[in-house]
Amino acid sequence: MQKLEEYRVREYEKSQGLFIVHNCVSTRISGQVTDITIWIHQHGNGPMSEGKIEKVKYYFGPMFFNGKSVVRIYSTDNFEMKISAYGSVLCLAQVFIENNSEPILITRYINF
């Protein structure tokens, strides 16, 4: 049990408490199954609650946005991103934080 708790704490530290969350609703778009809203959630205090996130760059693979990343810069909507999909997808997010030379990479498997 102790090793699991240590791993859990390291995951919080590695992501600085930042996580991707999502919700889904049925879509009316032909060929798709669901509309997905994705955003960044801050667990406890950290760079988001302190207003230090400069931008979030989302990547969903070659079937979305011609295989390009999409950047969100608006913290007022928690760097929200909307997509429509016909199947599950792995979401990668690079979170760029003030005074950090490298972004934090967080992931979420978007299922419905």
PDB file of N, CA and C in Angstrom:
ATOM      1  N   MET A   1       0.810  -1.191   0.000  1.00  0.00           N
ATOM      2  CA  MET A   1       0.000   0.000   0.000  1.00  0.00           C
ATOM      3  C   MET A   1       0.858   1.262   0.000  1.00  0.00           C
ATOM      4  N   GLN A   2       1.941   1.257   0.736  1.00  0.00           N
ATOM      5  CA  GLN A   2       2.805   2.432   0.827  1.00  0.00           C
ATOM      6  C   GLN A   2       3.388   2.793  -0.538  1.00  0.00           C
ATOM      7  N   LYS A   3       3.790   1.794  -1.323  1.00  0.00           N
ATOM      8  CA  LYS A   3       4.353   2.064  -2.646  1.00  0.00           C
ATOM      9  C   LYS A   3       3.315   2.697  -3.566  1.00  0.00           C
ATOM     10  N   LEU A   4       2.078   2.247  -3.457  1.00  0.00           N
ATOM     11  CA  LEU A   4       1.015   2.849  -4.261  1.00  0.00           C
ATOM     12  C   LEU A   4       0.799   4.305  -3.875  1.00  0.00           C
ATOM     13  N   GLU A   5       0.815   4.586  -2.596  1.00  0.00           N
ATOM     14  CA  GLU A   5       0.639   5.969  -2.139  1.00  0.00           C
ATOM     15  C   GLU A   5       1.799   6.838  -2.608  1.00  0.00           C
ATOM     16  N   GLU A   6       3.014   6.316  -2.549  1.00  0.00           N
ATOM     17  CA  GLU A   6       4.180   7.068  -3.035  1.00  0.00           C
ATOM     18  C   GLU A   6       4.041   7.370  -4.521  1.00  0.00           C
ATOM     19  N   TYR A   7       3.592   6.388  -5.286  1.00  0.00           N
ATOM     20  CA  TYR A   7       3.381   6.585  -6.722  1.00  0.00           C
ATOM     21  C   TYR A   7       2.311   7.648  -6.964  1.00  0.00           C
ATOM     22  N   ARG A   8       1.219   7.584  -6.223  1.00  0.00           N
ATOM     23  CA  ARG A   8       0.130   8.547  -6.358  1.00  0.00           C
ATOM     24  C   ARG A   8       0.613   9.967  -6.081  1.00  0.00           C
ATOM     25  N   VAL A   9       1.378  10.135  -5.030  1.00  0.00           N
ATOM     26  CA  VAL A   9       1.912  11.449  -4.673  1.00  0.00           C
ATOM     27  C   VAL A   9       2.859  11.959  -5.766  1.00  0.00           C
ATOM     28  N   ARG A  10       3.695  11.072  -6.316  1.00  0.00           N
ATOM     29  CA  ARG A  10       4.603  11.459  -7.402  1.00  0.00           C
ATOM     30  C   ARG A  10       3.831  11.930  -8.634  1.00  0.00           C
ATOM     31  N   GLU A  11       2.706  11.274  -8.914  1.00  0.00           N
ATOM     32  CA  GLU A  11       1.884  11.679 -10.060  1.00  0.00           C
ATOM     33  C   GLU A  11       1.338  13.094  -9.860  1.00  0.00           C
ATOM     34  N   TYR A  12       0.871  13.405  -8.672  1.00  0.00           N
ATOM     35  CA  TYR A  12       0.420  14.771  -8.372  1.00  0.00           C
ATOM     36  C   TYR A  12       1.574  15.755  -8.553  1.00  0.00           C
ATOM     37  N   GLU A  13       2.748  15.403  -8.040  1.00  0.00           N
ATOM     38  CA  GLU A  13       3.901  16.299  -8.142  1.00  0.00           C
ATOM     39  C   GLU A  13       4.335  16.486  -9.590  1.00  0.00           C
ATOM     40  N   LYS A  14       4.382  15.389 -10.348  1.00  0.00           N
ATOM     41  CA  LYS A  14       4.816  15.443 -11.741  1.00  0.00           C
ATOM     42  C   LYS A  14       3.910  16.359 -12.566  1.00  0.00           C
ATOM     43  N   SER A  15       2.610  16.303 -12.329  1.00  0.00           N
ATOM     44  CA  SER A  15       1.665  17.115 -13.092  1.00  0.00           C
ATOM     45  C   SER A  15       1.378  18.464 -12.438  1.00  0.00           C
ATOM     46  N   GLN A  16       2.002  18.721 -11.300  1.00  0.00           N
ATOM     47  CA  GLN A  16       1.739  19.915 -10.494  1.00  0.00           C
ATOM     48  C   GLN A  16       0.246  20.055 -10.192  1.00  0.00           C
ATOM     49  N   GLY A  17      -0.420  18.909 -10.059  1.00  0.00           N
ATOM     50  CA  GLY A  17      -1.841  18.886  -9.730  1.00  0.00           C
ATOM     51  C   GLY A  17      -2.755  19.190 -10.901  1.00  0.00           C
ATOM     52  N   LEU A  18      -2.220  19.195 -12.116  1.00  0.00           N
ATOM     53  CA  LEU A  18      -3.016  19.489 -13.310  1.00  0.00           C
ATOM     54  C   LEU A  18      -3.469  18.194 -13.966  1.00  0.00           C
ATOM     55  N   PHE A  19      -4.736  18.155 -14.344  1.00  0.00           N
ATOM     56  CA  PHE A  19      -5.301  16.974 -14.969  1.00  0.00           C
ATOM     57  C   PHE A  19      -6.244  17.382 -16.092  1.00  0.00           C
ATOM     58  N   ILE A  20      -6.355  16.520 -17.094  1.00  0.00           N
ATOM     59  CA  ILE A  20      -7.341  16.701 -18.150  1.00  0.00           C
ATOM     60  C   ILE A  20      -8.615  16.003 -17.686  1.00  0.00           C
ATOM     61  N   VAL A  21      -9.740  16.693 -17.822  1.00  0.00           N
ATOM     62  CA  VAL A  21     -11.036  16.085 -17.553  1.00  0.00           C
ATOM     63  C   VAL A  21     -11.916  16.284 -18.784  1.00  0.00           C
ATOM     64  N   HIS A  22     -12.992  15.503 -18.876  1.00  0.00           N
ATOM     65  CA  HIS A  22     -13.871  15.644 -20.041  1.00  0.00           C
ATOM     66  C   HIS A  22     -15.294  15.227 -19.712  1.00  0.00           C
ATOM     67  N   ASN A  23     -16.208  15.690 -20.563  1.00  0.00           N
ATOM     68  CA  ASN A  23     -17.569  15.171 -20.541  1.00  0.00           C
ATOM     69  C   ASN A  23     -18.052  15.036 -21.974  1.00  0.00           C
ATOM     70  N   CYS A  24     -19.090  14.233 -22.167  1.00  0.00           N
ATOM     71  CA  CYS A  24     -19.581  13.911 -23.504  1.00  0.00           C
ATOM     72  C   CYS A  24     -21.090  14.069 -23.566  1.00  0.00           C
ATOM     73  N   VAL A  25     -21.573  14.498 -24.724  1.00  0.00           N
ATOM     74  CA  VAL A  25     -23.002  14.524 -25.018  1.00  0.00           C
ATOM     75  C   VAL A  25     -23.191  14.010 -26.436  1.00  0.00           C
ATOM     76  N   SER A  26     -24.359  13.472 -26.725  1.00  0.00           N
ATOM     77  CA  SER A  26     -24.644  12.983 -28.076  1.00  0.00           C
ATOM     78  C   SER A  26     -24.510  14.125 -29.080  1.00  0.00           C
ATOM     79  N   THR A  27     -24.066  13.778 -30.273  1.00  0.00           N
ATOM     80  CA  THR A  27     -23.860  14.787 -31.301  1.00  0.00           C
ATOM     81  C   THR A  27     -24.923  14.703 -32.380  1.00  0.00           C
ATOM     82  N   ARG A  28     -25.043  15.755 -33.140  1.00  0.00           N
ATOM     83  CA  ARG A  28     -25.911  15.772 -34.319  1.00  0.00           C
ATOM     84  C   ARG A  28     -25.075  15.803 -35.594  1.00  0.00           C
ATOM     85  N   ILE A  29     -23.767  15.682 -35.445  1.00  0.00           N
ATOM     86  CA  ILE A  29     -22.862  15.723 -36.585  1.00  0.00           C
ATOM     87  C   ILE A  29     -22.818  14.344 -37.236  1.00  0.00           C
ATOM     88  N   SER A  30     -23.097  14.307 -38.516  1.00  0.00           N
ATOM     89  CA  SER A  30     -23.111  13.051 -39.262  1.00  0.00           C
ATOM     90  C   SER A  30     -21.747  12.372 -39.218  1.00  0.00           C
ATOM     91  N   GLY A  31     -21.745  11.072 -38.948  1.00  0.00           N
ATOM     92  CA  GLY A  31     -20.512  10.302 -38.901  1.00  0.00           C
ATOM     93  C   GLY A  31     -19.812  10.324 -37.551  1.00  0.00           C
ATOM     94  N   GLN A  32     -20.322  11.101 -36.616  1.00  0.00           N
ATOM     95  CA  GLN A  32     -19.739  11.189 -35.282  1.00  0.00           C
ATOM     96  C   GLN A  32     -20.718  10.575 -34.277  1.00  0.00           C
ATOM     97  N   VAL A  33     -20.245  10.294 -33.083  1.00  0.00           N
ATOM     98  CA  VAL A  33     -21.070   9.694 -32.034  1.00  0.00           C
ATOM     99  C   VAL A  33     -21.325  10.679 -30.904  1.00  0.00           C
ATOM    100  N   THR A  34     -20.297  11.464 -30.568  1.00  0.00           N
ATOM    101  CA  THR A  34     -20.415  12.322 -29.388  1.00  0.00           C
ATOM    102  C   THR A  34     -19.653  13.634 -29.567  1.00  0.00           C
ATOM    103  N   ASP A  35     -20.109  14.650 -28.857  1.00  0.00           N
ATOM    104  CA  ASP A  35     -19.377  15.911 -28.731  1.00  0.00           C
ATOM    105  C   ASP A  35     -18.689  15.865 -27.376  1.00  0.00           C
ATOM    106  N   ILE A  36     -17.430  16.199 -27.364  1.00  0.00           N
ATOM    107  CA  ILE A  36     -16.615  16.079 -26.153  1.00  0.00           C
ATOM    108  C   ILE A  36     -16.084  17.451 -25.771  1.00  0.00           C
ATOM    109  N   THR A  37     -16.245  17.796 -24.519  1.00  0.00           N
ATOM    110  CA  THR A  37     -15.638  19.007 -23.975  1.00  0.00           C
ATOM    111  C   THR A  37     -14.507  18.572 -23.060  1.00  0.00           C
ATOM    112  N   ILE A  38     -13.343  19.138 -23.285  1.00  0.00           N
ATOM    113  CA  ILE A  38     -12.119  18.779 -22.554  1.00  0.00           C
ATOM    114  C   ILE A  38     -11.588  20.052 -21.908  1.00  0.00           C
ATOM    115  N   TRP A  39     -11.101  19.950 -20.690  1.00  0.00           N
ATOM    116  CA  TRP A  39     -10.513  21.113 -20.049  1.00  0.00           C
ATOM    117  C   TRP A  39      -9.494  20.661 -19.014  1.00  0.00           C
ATOM    118  N   ILE A  40      -8.748  21.637 -18.512  1.00  0.00           N
ATOM    119  CA  ILE A  40      -7.723  21.383 -17.500  1.00  0.00           C
ATOM    120  C   ILE A  40      -8.314  21.667 -16.123  1.00  0.00           C
ATOM    121  N   HIS A  41      -8.063  20.758 -15.207  1.00  0.00           N
ATOM    122  CA  HIS A  41      -8.531  20.897 -13.825  1.00  0.00           C
ATOM    123  C   HIS A  41      -7.318  20.946 -12.903  1.00  0.00           C
ATOM    124  N   GLN A  42      -7.339  21.874 -11.968  1.00  0.00           N
ATOM    125  CA  GLN A  42      -6.268  21.989 -10.978  1.00  0.00           C
ATOM    126  C   GLN A  42      -6.716  21.336  -9.679  1.00  0.00           C
ATOM    127  N   HIS A  43      -5.988  20.324  -9.234  1.00  0.00           N
ATOM    128  CA  HIS A  43      -6.247  19.702  -7.941  1.00  0.00           C
ATOM    129  C   HIS A  43      -5.476  20.494  -6.890  1.00  0.00           C
ATOM    130  N   GLY A  44      -6.184  21.113  -5.966  1.00  0.00           N
ATOM    131  CA  GLY A  44      -5.525  21.913  -4.935  1.00  0.00           C
ATOM    132  C   GLY A  44      -4.944  23.187  -5.525  1.00  0.00           C
ATOM    133  N   ASN A  45      -3.915  23.690  -4.879  1.00  0.00           N
ATOM    134  CA  ASN A  45      -3.235  24.894  -5.358  1.00  0.00           C
ATOM    135  C   ASN A  45      -2.135  24.521  -6.334  1.00  0.00           C
ATOM    136  N   GLY A  46      -1.890  25.381  -7.284  1.00  0.00           N
ATOM    137  CA  GLY A  46      -0.851  25.126  -8.261  1.00  0.00           C
ATOM    138  C   GLY A  46      -0.847  26.183  -9.337  1.00  0.00           C
ATOM    139  N   PRO A  47      -0.208  25.897 -10.468  1.00  0.00           N
ATOM    140  CA  PRO A  47      -0.022  26.915 -11.493  1.00  0.00           C
ATOM    141  C   PRO A  47      -1.323  27.478 -12.065  1.00  0.00           C
ATOM    142  N   MET A  48      -2.355  26.679 -12.145  1.00  0.00           N
ATOM    143  CA  MET A  48      -3.614  27.191 -12.692  1.00  0.00           C
ATOM    144  C   MET A  48      -4.305  28.111 -11.696  1.00  0.00           C
ATOM    145  N   SER A  49      -4.393  27.670 -10.454  1.00  0.00           N
ATOM    146  CA  SER A  49      -5.038  28.502  -9.439  1.00  0.00           C
ATOM    147  C   SER A  49      -4.235  29.773  -9.170  1.00  0.00           C
ATOM    148  N   GLU A  50      -2.948  29.750  -9.490  1.00  0.00           N
ATOM    149  CA  GLU A  50      -2.089  30.921  -9.319  1.00  0.00           C
ATOM    150  C   GLU A  50      -2.015  31.785 -10.582  1.00  0.00           C
ATOM    151  N   GLY A  51      -2.723  31.385 -11.647  1.00  0.00           N
ATOM    152  CA  GLY A  51      -2.739  32.165 -12.883  1.00  0.00           C
ATOM    153  C   GLY A  51      -1.433  32.125 -13.659  1.00  0.00           C
ATOM    154  N   LYS A  52      -0.669  31.045 -13.545  1.00  0.00           N
ATOM    155  CA  LYS A  52       0.648  30.970 -14.171  1.00  0.00           C
ATOM    156  C   LYS A  52       0.691  30.154 -15.464  1.00  0.00           C
ATOM    157  N   ILE A  53      -0.434  29.630 -15.911  1.00  0.00           N
ATOM    158  CA  ILE A  53      -0.426  28.878 -17.159  1.00  0.00           C
ATOM    159  C   ILE A  53      -0.520  29.860 -18.324  1.00  0.00           C
ATOM    160  N   GLU A  54       0.431  29.757 -19.239  1.00  0.00           N
ATOM    161  CA  GLU A  54       0.462  30.643 -20.401  1.00  0.00           C
ATOM    162  C   GLU A  54      -0.425  30.120 -21.524  1.00  0.00           C
ATOM    163  N   LYS A  55      -0.388  28.802 -21.743  1.00  0.00           N
ATOM    164  CA  LYS A  55      -1.191  28.198 -22.807  1.00  0.00           C
ATOM    165  C   LYS A  55      -1.186  26.693 -22.622  1.00  0.00           C
ATOM    166  N   VAL A  56      -2.139  26.046 -23.297  1.00  0.00           N
ATOM    167  CA  VAL A  56      -2.219  24.594 -23.332  1.00  0.00           C
ATOM    168  C   VAL A  56      -2.290  24.187 -24.794  1.00  0.00           C
ATOM    169  N   LYS A  57      -1.437  23.248 -25.184  1.00  0.00           N
ATOM    170  CA  LYS A  57      -1.409  22.747 -26.554  1.00  0.00           C
ATOM    171  C   LYS A  57      -1.931  21.316 -26.535  1.00  0.00           C
ATOM    172  N   TYR A  58      -3.094  21.104 -27.182  1.00  0.00           N
ATOM    173  CA  TYR A  58      -3.731  19.785 -27.230  1.00  0.00           C
ATOM    174  C   TYR A  58      -3.361  19.068 -28.526  1.00  0.00           C
ATOM    175  N   TYR A  59      -3.200  17.761 -28.426  1.00  0.00           N
ATOM    176  CA  TYR A  59      -2.965  16.926 -29.605  1.00  0.00           C
ATOM    177  C   TYR A  59      -3.796  15.656 -29.474  1.00  0.00           C
ATOM    178  N   PHE A  60      -4.525  15.316 -30.556  1.00  0.00           N
ATOM    179  CA  PHE A  60      -5.440  14.174 -30.539  1.00  0.00           C
ATOM    180  C   PHE A  60      -5.080  13.113 -31.568  1.00  0.00           C
ATOM    181  N   GLY A  61      -4.009  13.286 -32.309  1.00  0.00           N
ATOM    182  CA  GLY A  61      -3.616  12.314 -33.318  1.00  0.00           C
ATOM    183  C   GLY A  61      -3.944  12.789 -34.726  1.00  0.00           C
ATOM    184  N   PRO A  62      -3.598  11.976 -35.719  1.00  0.00           N
ATOM    185  CA  PRO A  62      -3.694  12.398 -37.112  1.00  0.00           C
ATOM    186  C   PRO A  62      -5.117  12.587 -37.640  1.00  0.00           C
ATOM    187  N   MET A  63      -6.120  12.066 -36.964  1.00  0.00           N
ATOM    188  CA  MET A  63      -7.504  12.184 -37.436  1.00  0.00           C
ATOM    189  C   MET A  63      -8.177  13.492 -36.996  1.00  0.00           C
ATOM    190  N   PHE A  64      -7.507  14.277 -36.198  1.00  0.00           N
ATOM    191  CA  PHE A  64      -8.071  15.526 -35.694  1.00  0.00           C
ATOM    192  C   PHE A  64      -7.203  16.703 -36.126  1.00  0.00           C
ATOM    193  N   PHE A  65      -7.828  17.729 -36.649  1.00  0.00           N
ATOM    194  CA  PHE A  65      -7.144  18.981 -36.999  1.00  0.00           C
ATOM    195  C   PHE A  65      -5.950  18.746 -37.929  1.00  0.00           C
ATOM    196  N   ASN A  66      -6.117  17.816 -38.867  1.00  0.00           N
ATOM    197  CA  ASN A  66      -5.051  17.481 -39.827  1.00  0.00           C
ATOM    198  C   ASN A  66      -3.756  17.071 -39.135  1.00  0.00           C
ATOM    199  N   GLY A  67      -3.887  16.448 -37.971  1.00  0.00           N
ATOM    200  CA  GLY A  67      -2.717  15.972 -37.245  1.00  0.00           C
ATOM    201  C   GLY A  67      -1.916  17.068 -36.558  1.00  0.00           C
ATOM    202  N   LYS A  68      -2.501  18.250 -36.451  1.00  0.00           N
ATOM    203  CA  LYS A  68      -1.793  19.367 -35.813  1.00  0.00           C
ATOM    204  C   LYS A  68      -2.296  19.590 -34.393  1.00  0.00           C
ATOM    205  N   SER A  69      -1.463  20.183 -33.591  1.00  0.00           N
ATOM    206  CA  SER A  69      -1.847  20.569 -32.236  1.00  0.00           C
ATOM    207  C   SER A  69      -2.735  21.809 -32.299  1.00  0.00           C
ATOM    208  N   VAL A  70      -3.557  21.965 -31.277  1.00  0.00           N
ATOM    209  CA  VAL A  70      -4.418  23.133 -31.150  1.00  0.00           C
ATOM    210  C   VAL A  70      -4.089  23.816 -29.829  1.00  0.00           C
ATOM    211  N   VAL A  71      -3.885  25.127 -29.883  1.00  0.00           N
ATOM    212  CA  VAL A  71      -3.476  25.882 -28.701  1.00  0.00           C
ATOM    213  C   VAL A  71      -4.671  26.619 -28.112  1.00  0.00           C
ATOM    214  N   ARG A  72      -4.778  26.559 -26.808  1.00  0.00           N
ATOM    215  CA  ARG A  72      -5.781  27.320 -26.063  1.00  0.00           C
ATOM    216  C   ARG A  72      -5.045  28.232 -25.085  1.00  0.00           C
ATOM    217  N   ILE A  73      -5.482  29.502 -25.041  1.00  0.00           N
ATOM    218  CA  ILE A  73      -4.803  30.481 -24.188  1.00  0.00           C
ATOM    219  C   ILE A  73      -5.741  31.120 -23.160  1.00  0.00           C
ATOM    220  N   TYR A  74      -6.990  30.719 -23.137  1.00  0.00           N
ATOM    221  CA  TYR A  74      -7.965  31.384 -22.267  1.00  0.00           C
ATOM    222  C   TYR A  74      -8.156  30.619 -20.961  1.00  0.00           C
ATOM    223  N   SER A  75      -7.636  31.192 -19.905  1.00  0.00           N
ATOM    224  CA  SER A  75      -7.746  30.536 -18.608  1.00  0.00           C
ATOM    225  C   SER A  75      -9.150  30.665 -18.022  1.00  0.00           C
ATOM    226  N   THR A  76      -9.934  31.648 -18.492  1.00  0.00           N
ATOM    227  CA  THR A  76     -11.268  31.860 -17.929  1.00  0.00           C
ATOM    228  C   THR A  76     -12.196  30.689 -18.193  1.00  0.00           C
ATOM    229  N   ASP A  77     -11.906  29.885 -19.226  1.00  0.00           N
ATOM    230  CA  ASP A  77     -12.715  28.690 -19.486  1.00  0.00           C
ATOM    231  C   ASP A  77     -11.925  27.414 -19.209  1.00  0.00           C
ATOM    232  N   ASN A  78     -10.861  27.528 -18.412  1.00  0.00           N
ATOM    233  CA  ASN A  78     -10.011  26.393 -18.034  1.00  0.00           C
ATOM    234  C   ASN A  78      -9.368  25.714 -19.243  1.00  0.00           C
ATOM    235  N   PHE A  79      -9.059  26.551 -20.254  1.00  0.00           N
ATOM    236  CA  PHE A  79      -8.383  26.078 -21.470  1.00  0.00           C
ATOM    237  C   PHE A  79      -9.232  25.014 -22.178  1.00  0.00           C
ATOM    238  N   GLU A  80     -10.531  25.286 -22.232  1.00  0.00           N
ATOM    239  CA  GLU A  80     -11.505  24.337 -22.787  1.00  0.00           C
ATOM    240  C   GLU A  80     -11.280  24.072 -24.274  1.00  0.00           C
ATOM    241  N   MET A  81     -11.527  22.832 -24.645  1.00  0.00           N
ATOM    242  CA  MET A  81     -11.385  22.364 -26.025  1.00  0.00           C
ATOM    243  C   MET A  81     -12.607  21.518 -26.347  1.00  0.00           C
ATOM    244  N   LYS A  82     -13.178  21.690 -27.546  1.00  0.00           N
ATOM    245  CA  LYS A  82     -14.338  20.889 -27.953  1.00  0.00           C
ATOM    246  C   LYS A  82     -14.005  20.134 -29.234  1.00  0.00           C
ATOM    247  N   ILE A  83     -14.364  18.846 -29.241  1.00  0.00           N
ATOM    248  CA  ILE A  83     -14.201  18.032 -30.436  1.00  0.00           C
ATOM    249  C   ILE A  83     -15.427  17.132 -30.582  1.00  0.00           C
ATOM    250  N   SER A  84     -15.612  16.599 -31.786  1.00  0.00           N
ATOM    251  CA  SER A  84     -16.608  15.560 -32.023  1.00  0.00           C
ATOM    252  C   SER A  84     -15.853  14.313 -32.441  1.00  0.00           C
ATOM    253  N   ALA A  85     -16.349  13.149 -32.031  1.00  0.00           N
ATOM    254  CA  ALA A  85     -15.613  11.915 -32.311  1.00  0.00           C
ATOM    255  C   ALA A  85     -16.574  10.751 -32.525  1.00  0.00           C
ATOM    256  N   TYR A  86     -16.091   9.742 -33.236  1.00  0.00           N
ATOM    257  CA  TYR A  86     -16.865   8.506 -33.438  1.00  0.00           C
ATOM    258  C   TYR A  86     -16.306   7.361 -32.614  1.00  0.00           C
ATOM    259  N   GLY A  87     -15.170   7.583 -31.963  1.00  0.00           N
ATOM    260  CA  GLY A  87     -14.559   6.567 -31.130  1.00  0.00           C
ATOM    261  C   GLY A  87     -13.650   7.196 -30.084  1.00  0.00           C
ATOM    262  N   SER A  88     -13.168   6.383 -29.190  1.00  0.00           N
ATOM    263  CA  SER A  88     -12.281   6.864 -28.124  1.00  0.00           C
ATOM    264  C   SER A  88     -10.990   7.406 -28.705  1.00  0.00           C
ATOM    265  N   VAL A  89     -10.345   8.299 -27.966  1.00  0.00           N
ATOM    266  CA  VAL A  89      -9.124   8.942 -28.441  1.00  0.00           C
ATOM    267  C   VAL A  89      -8.233   9.287 -27.243  1.00  0.00           C
ATOM    268  N   LEU A  90      -6.929   9.222 -27.465  1.00  0.00           N
ATOM    269  CA  LEU A  90      -5.971   9.641 -26.442  1.00  0.00           C
ATOM    270  C   LEU A  90      -5.687  11.128 -26.632  1.00  0.00           C
ATOM    271  N   CYS A  91      -5.900  11.890 -25.591  1.00  0.00           N
ATOM    272  CA  CYS A  91      -5.646  13.333 -25.609  1.00  0.00           C
ATOM    273  C   CYS A  91      -4.318  13.598 -24.894  1.00  0.00           C
ATOM    274  N   LEU A  92      -3.440  14.316 -25.570  1.00  0.00           N
ATOM    275  CA  LEU A  92      -2.193  14.784 -24.970  1.00  0.00           C
ATOM    276  C   LEU A  92      -2.290  16.294 -24.794  1.00  0.00           C
ATOM    277  N   ALA A  93      -1.830  16.798 -23.686  1.00  0.00           N
ATOM    278  CA  ALA A  93      -1.828  18.241 -23.457  1.00  0.00           C
ATOM    279  C   ALA A  93      -0.464  18.662 -22.935  1.00  0.00           C
ATOM    280  N   GLN A  94       0.123  19.612 -23.628  1.00  0.00           N
ATOM    281  CA  GLN A  94       1.348  20.241 -23.148  1.00  0.00           C
ATOM    282  C   GLN A  94       0.917  21.521 -22.448  1.00  0.00           C
ATOM    283  N   VAL A  95       1.238  21.644 -21.180  1.00  0.00           N
ATOM    284  CA  VAL A  95       0.846  22.802 -20.390  1.00  0.00           C
ATOM    285  C   VAL A  95       2.091  23.669 -20.182  1.00  0.00           C
ATOM    286  N   PHE A  96       2.027  24.881 -20.716  1.00  0.00           N
ATOM    287  CA  PHE A  96       3.151  25.811 -20.638  1.00  0.00           C
ATOM    288  C   PHE A  96       2.939  26.745 -19.457  1.00  0.00           C
ATOM    289  N   ILE A  97       3.903  26.733 -18.540  1.00  0.00           N
ATOM    290  CA  ILE A  97       3.798  27.483 -17.289  1.00  0.00           C
ATOM    291  C   ILE A  97       4.889  28.543 -17.252  1.00  0.00           C
ATOM    292  N   GLU A  98       4.531  29.726 -16.769  1.00  0.00           N
ATOM    293  CA  GLU A  98       5.493  30.819 -16.628  1.00  0.00           C
ATOM    294  C   GLU A  98       6.784  30.338 -15.971  1.00  0.00           C
ATOM    295  N   ASN A  99       7.898  30.761 -16.508  1.00  0.00           N
ATOM    296  CA  ASN A  99       9.229  30.502 -15.961  1.00  0.00           C
ATOM    297  C   ASN A  99       9.648  29.035 -15.981  1.00  0.00           C
ATOM    298  N   ASN A 100       8.907  28.169 -16.676  1.00  0.00           N
ATOM    299  CA  ASN A 100       9.327  26.777 -16.855  1.00  0.00           C
ATOM    300  C   ASN A 100       9.867  26.630 -18.267  1.00  0.00           C
ATOM    301  N   SER A 101      11.030  26.046 -18.408  1.00  0.00           N
ATOM    302  CA  SER A 101      11.625  25.892 -19.734  1.00  0.00           C
ATOM    303  C   SER A 101      10.935  24.807 -20.549  1.00  0.00           C
ATOM    304  N   GLU A 102      10.360  23.822 -19.900  1.00  0.00           N
ATOM    305  CA  GLU A 102       9.683  22.716 -20.582  1.00  0.00           C
ATOM    306  C   GLU A 102       8.230  22.639 -20.127  1.00  0.00           C
ATOM    307  N   PRO A 103       7.311  22.340 -21.051  1.00  0.00           N
ATOM    308  CA  PRO A 103       5.915  22.181 -20.630  1.00  0.00           C
ATOM    309  C   PRO A 103       5.718  20.884 -19.860  1.00  0.00           C
ATOM    310  N   ILE A 104       4.655  20.839 -19.090  1.00  0.00           N
ATOM    311  CA  ILE A 104       4.224  19.603 -18.433  1.00  0.00           C
ATOM    312  C   ILE A 104       3.378  18.847 -19.439  1.00  0.00           C
ATOM    313  N   LEU A 105       3.606  17.558 -19.580  1.00  0.00           N
ATOM    314  CA  LEU A 105       2.799  16.728 -20.473  1.00  0.00           C
ATOM    315  C   LEU A 105       1.832  15.898 -19.634  1.00  0.00           C
ATOM    316  N   ILE A 106       0.542  16.068 -19.902  1.00  0.00           N
ATOM    317  CA  ILE A 106      -0.472  15.264 -19.228  1.00  0.00           C
ATOM    318  C   ILE A 106      -1.326  14.577 -20.292  1.00  0.00           C
ATOM    319  N   THR A 107      -1.898  13.441 -19.933  1.00  0.00           N
ATOM    320  CA  THR A 107      -2.677  12.665 -20.891  1.00  0.00           C
ATOM    321  C   THR A 107      -4.002  12.219 -20.279  1.00  0.00           C
ATOM    322  N   ARG A 108      -4.941  11.911 -21.182  1.00  0.00           N
ATOM    323  CA  ARG A 108      -6.211  11.322 -20.752  1.00  0.00           C
ATOM    324  C   ARG A 108      -6.770  10.524 -21.911  1.00  0.00           C
ATOM    325  N   TYR A 109      -7.241   9.342 -21.612  1.00  0.00           N
ATOM    326  CA  TYR A 109      -7.937   8.539 -22.591  1.00  0.00           C
ATOM    327  C   TYR A 109      -9.389   8.975 -22.588  1.00  0.00           C
ATOM    328  N   ILE A 110      -9.841   9.548 -23.685  1.00  0.00           N
ATOM    329  CA  ILE A 110     -11.197  10.078 -23.794  1.00  0.00           C
ATOM    330  C   ILE A 110     -12.102   8.938 -24.267  1.00  0.00           C
ATOM    331  N   ASN A 111     -12.934   8.469 -23.387  1.00  0.00           N
ATOM    332  CA  ASN A 111     -13.847   7.373 -23.728  1.00  0.00           C
ATOM    333  C   ASN A 111     -15.278   7.810 -23.494  1.00  0.00           C
ATOM    334  N   PHE A 112     -16.195   7.075 -24.089  1.00  0.00           N
ATOM    335  CA  PHE A 112     -17.623   7.378 -23.932  1.00  0.00           C
ATOM    336  C   PHE A 112     -18.444   6.138 -24.199  1.00  0.00           C
TER     337      PHE A 112
END
